[in-house]
Amino acid sequence: MNKTLLAEFTAREGTEGEVARLLLDYAQKVREEDGNIAFDVYTKASDPRAYWIFEVYRDEDAFQAHLKAPYGGPFNTALAPLIEEDASVLTFLDPVT
């Protein structure tokens, strides 16, 4: 079963450009992962500092491999001081069947 989640965070005022640059670079790497199905980056229409990232991985193993990718730690370290939250807020999703 696919592993699906929504990651949310808010860029601090004045960091929007740097956050976008970091996130687009990271997204390119994630999309190349064997088990990644989707990594779609959005901002909220009413608040362009609010980021929502929709992620889908083939299964739990693919998601765990994503978490262990060597570029994840440096991305999160670089992102942390640029966002209002302590880290991305993750919401795991299940399909309605």
C-alpha atoms as a PDB file:
ATOM      1  CA  MET A   1       0.000   0.000   0.000  1.00  0.00           C
ATOM      2  CA  ASN A   2       1.240   3.487  -0.831  1.00  0.00           C
ATOM      3  CA  LYS A   3       2.524   5.701   1.972  1.00  0.00           C
ATOM      4  CA  THR A   4       0.945   9.144   1.559  1.00  0.00           C
ATOM      5  CA  LEU A   5       1.486  12.271   3.602  1.00  0.00           C
ATOM      6  CA  LEU A   6       1.187  16.013   3.696  1.00  0.00           C
ATOM      7  CA  ALA A   7       4.109  18.019   5.094  1.00  0.00           C
ATOM      8  CA  GLU A   8       3.338  21.589   6.164  1.00  0.00           C
ATOM      9  CA  PHE A   9       5.408  24.519   7.349  1.00  0.00           C
ATOM     10  CA  THR A  10       5.482  28.298   7.192  1.00  0.00           C
ATOM     11  CA  ALA A  11       8.470  30.254   5.898  1.00  0.00           C
ATOM     12  CA  ARG A  12       9.584  33.060   8.183  1.00  0.00           C
ATOM     13  CA  GLU A  13       8.951  36.489   6.731  1.00  0.00           C
ATOM     14  CA  GLY A  14      11.765  37.420   4.377  1.00  0.00           C
ATOM     15  CA  THR A  15      12.978  33.829   3.831  1.00  0.00           C
ATOM     16  CA  GLU A  16      10.496  32.871   1.119  1.00  0.00           C
ATOM     17  CA  GLY A  17      13.034  32.921  -1.716  1.00  0.00           C
ATOM     18  CA  GLU A  18      15.597  30.841   0.131  1.00  0.00           C
ATOM     19  CA  VAL A  19      12.947  28.343   1.263  1.00  0.00           C
ATOM     20  CA  ALA A  20      11.676  27.985  -2.312  1.00  0.00           C
ATOM     21  CA  ARG A  21      15.212  27.443  -3.647  1.00  0.00           C
ATOM     22  CA  LEU A  22      16.028  24.801  -0.994  1.00  0.00           C
ATOM     23  CA  LEU A  23      12.711  23.054  -1.476  1.00  0.00           C
ATOM     24  CA  LEU A  24      12.883  22.907  -5.269  1.00  0.00           C
ATOM     25  CA  ASP A  25      16.405  21.456  -5.123  1.00  0.00           C
ATOM     26  CA  TYR A  26      15.305  18.897  -2.543  1.00  0.00           C
ATOM     27  CA  ALA A  27      12.168  18.028  -4.535  1.00  0.00           C
ATOM     28  CA  GLN A  28      14.270  17.208  -7.585  1.00  0.00           C
ATOM     29  CA  LYS A  29      16.338  14.733  -5.545  1.00  0.00           C
ATOM     30  CA  VAL A  30      13.304  13.128  -3.894  1.00  0.00           C
ATOM     31  CA  ARG A  31      11.538  12.685  -7.231  1.00  0.00           C
ATOM     32  CA  GLU A  32      14.518  10.631  -8.412  1.00  0.00           C
ATOM     33  CA  GLU A  33      14.141   8.120  -5.554  1.00  0.00           C
ATOM     34  CA  ASP A  34      13.119   4.682  -6.765  1.00  0.00           C
ATOM     35  CA  GLY A  35      10.125   4.478  -4.420  1.00  0.00           C
ATOM     36  CA  ASN A  36       8.830   8.030  -4.824  1.00  0.00           C
ATOM     37  CA  ILE A  37       5.558   8.392  -6.718  1.00  0.00           C
ATOM     38  CA  ALA A  38       4.825  12.072  -6.006  1.00  0.00           C
ATOM     39  CA  PHE A  39       6.506  15.012  -4.330  1.00  0.00           C
ATOM     40  CA  ASP A  40       4.355  18.028  -5.170  1.00  0.00           C
ATOM     41  CA  VAL A  41       5.163  21.407  -3.649  1.00  0.00           C
ATOM     42  CA  TYR A  42       2.426  23.988  -3.072  1.00  0.00           C
ATOM     43  CA  THR A  43       1.940  27.266  -1.301  1.00  0.00           C
ATOM     44  CA  LYS A  44      -1.391  28.251   0.149  1.00  0.00           C
ATOM     45  CA  ALA A  45      -3.152  30.686  -2.204  1.00  0.00           C
ATOM     46  CA  SER A  46      -4.156  32.973   0.685  1.00  0.00           C
ATOM     47  CA  ASP A  47      -0.704  32.811   2.363  1.00  0.00           C
ATOM     48  CA  PRO A  48       2.288  32.269   0.053  1.00  0.00           C
ATOM     49  CA  ARG A  49       4.578  31.683   3.054  1.00  0.00           C
ATOM     50  CA  ALA A  50       2.564  28.544   3.964  1.00  0.00           C
ATOM     51  CA  TYR A  51       4.000  25.490   2.208  1.00  0.00           C
ATOM     52  CA  TRP A  52       2.184  22.197   1.695  1.00  0.00           C
ATOM     53  CA  ILE A  53       4.104  19.261   0.243  1.00  0.00           C
ATOM     54  CA  PHE A  54       2.078  16.271  -0.940  1.00  0.00           C
ATOM     55  CA  GLU A  55       4.210  13.121  -0.874  1.00  0.00           C
ATOM     56  CA  VAL A  56       3.477   9.574  -2.036  1.00  0.00           C
ATOM     57  CA  TYR A  57       5.852   6.630  -1.722  1.00  0.00           C
ATOM     58  CA  ARG A  58       5.395   3.139  -3.130  1.00  0.00           C
ATOM     59  CA  ASP A  59       5.170   1.589   0.351  1.00  0.00           C
ATOM     60  CA  GLU A  60       6.528   1.842   3.895  1.00  0.00           C
ATOM     61  CA  ASP A  61       9.944   0.529   2.826  1.00  0.00           C
ATOM     62  CA  ALA A  62      10.232   3.244   0.175  1.00  0.00           C
ATOM     63  CA  PHE A  63       9.259   5.869   2.748  1.00  0.00           C
ATOM     64  CA  GLN A  64      11.876   4.561   5.192  1.00  0.00           C
ATOM     65  CA  ALA A  65      14.495   4.657   2.413  1.00  0.00           C
ATOM     66  CA  HIS A  66      13.482   8.278   1.770  1.00  0.00           C
ATOM     67  CA  LEU A  67      14.016   9.121   5.440  1.00  0.00           C
ATOM     68  CA  LYS A  68      17.519   7.625   5.277  1.00  0.00           C
ATOM     69  CA  ALA A  69      18.557   9.450   2.094  1.00  0.00           C
ATOM     70  CA  PRO A  70      21.845  11.328   2.615  1.00  0.00           C
ATOM     71  CA  TYR A  71      20.433  14.674   1.442  1.00  0.00           C
ATOM     72  CA  GLY A  72      17.483  14.697   3.874  1.00  0.00           C
ATOM     73  CA  GLY A  73      19.430  15.675   6.985  1.00  0.00           C
ATOM     74  CA  PRO A  74      21.249  18.604   5.371  1.00  0.00           C
ATOM     75  CA  PHE A  75      17.956  19.828   3.863  1.00  0.00           C
ATOM     76  CA  ASN A  76      16.179  19.758   7.236  1.00  0.00           C
ATOM     77  CA  THR A  77      19.137  21.455   8.949  1.00  0.00           C
ATOM     78  CA  ALA A  78      19.134  24.247   6.360  1.00  0.00           C
ATOM     79  CA  LEU A  79      15.330  24.598   6.483  1.00  0.00           C
ATOM     80  CA  ALA A  80      14.889  24.686  10.284  1.00  0.00           C
ATOM     81  CA  PRO A  81      15.981  28.300  10.919  1.00  0.00           C
ATOM     82  CA  LEU A  82      13.940  29.511   7.935  1.00  0.00           C
ATOM     83  CA  ILE A  83      10.535  28.271   9.118  1.00  0.00           C
ATOM     84  CA  GLU A  84       8.249  29.215  11.989  1.00  0.00           C
ATOM     85  CA  GLU A  85       7.660  25.655  13.209  1.00  0.00           C
ATOM     86  CA  ASP A  86      10.330  23.516  14.881  1.00  0.00           C
ATOM     87  CA  ALA A  87      10.079  21.127  11.900  1.00  0.00           C
ATOM     88  CA  SER A  88       7.660  20.184   9.138  1.00  0.00           C
ATOM     89  CA  VAL A  89       4.288  19.100  10.484  1.00  0.00           C
ATOM     90  CA  LEU A  90       3.482  15.704   8.968  1.00  0.00           C
ATOM     91  CA  THR A  91      -0.044  14.396   8.423  1.00  0.00           C
ATOM     92  CA  PHE A  92      -0.254  10.799   7.185  1.00  0.00           C
ATOM     93  CA  LEU A  93      -3.181  10.080   4.868  1.00  0.00           C
ATOM     94  CA  ASP A  94      -5.214   6.996   4.033  1.00  0.00           C
ATOM     95  CA  PRO A  95      -7.428   6.674   0.950  1.00  0.00           C
ATOM     96  CA  VAL A  96     -11.178   6.539   1.342  1.00  0.00           C
ATOM     97  CA  THR A  97     -12.399   3.279  -0.129  1.00  0.00           C
END
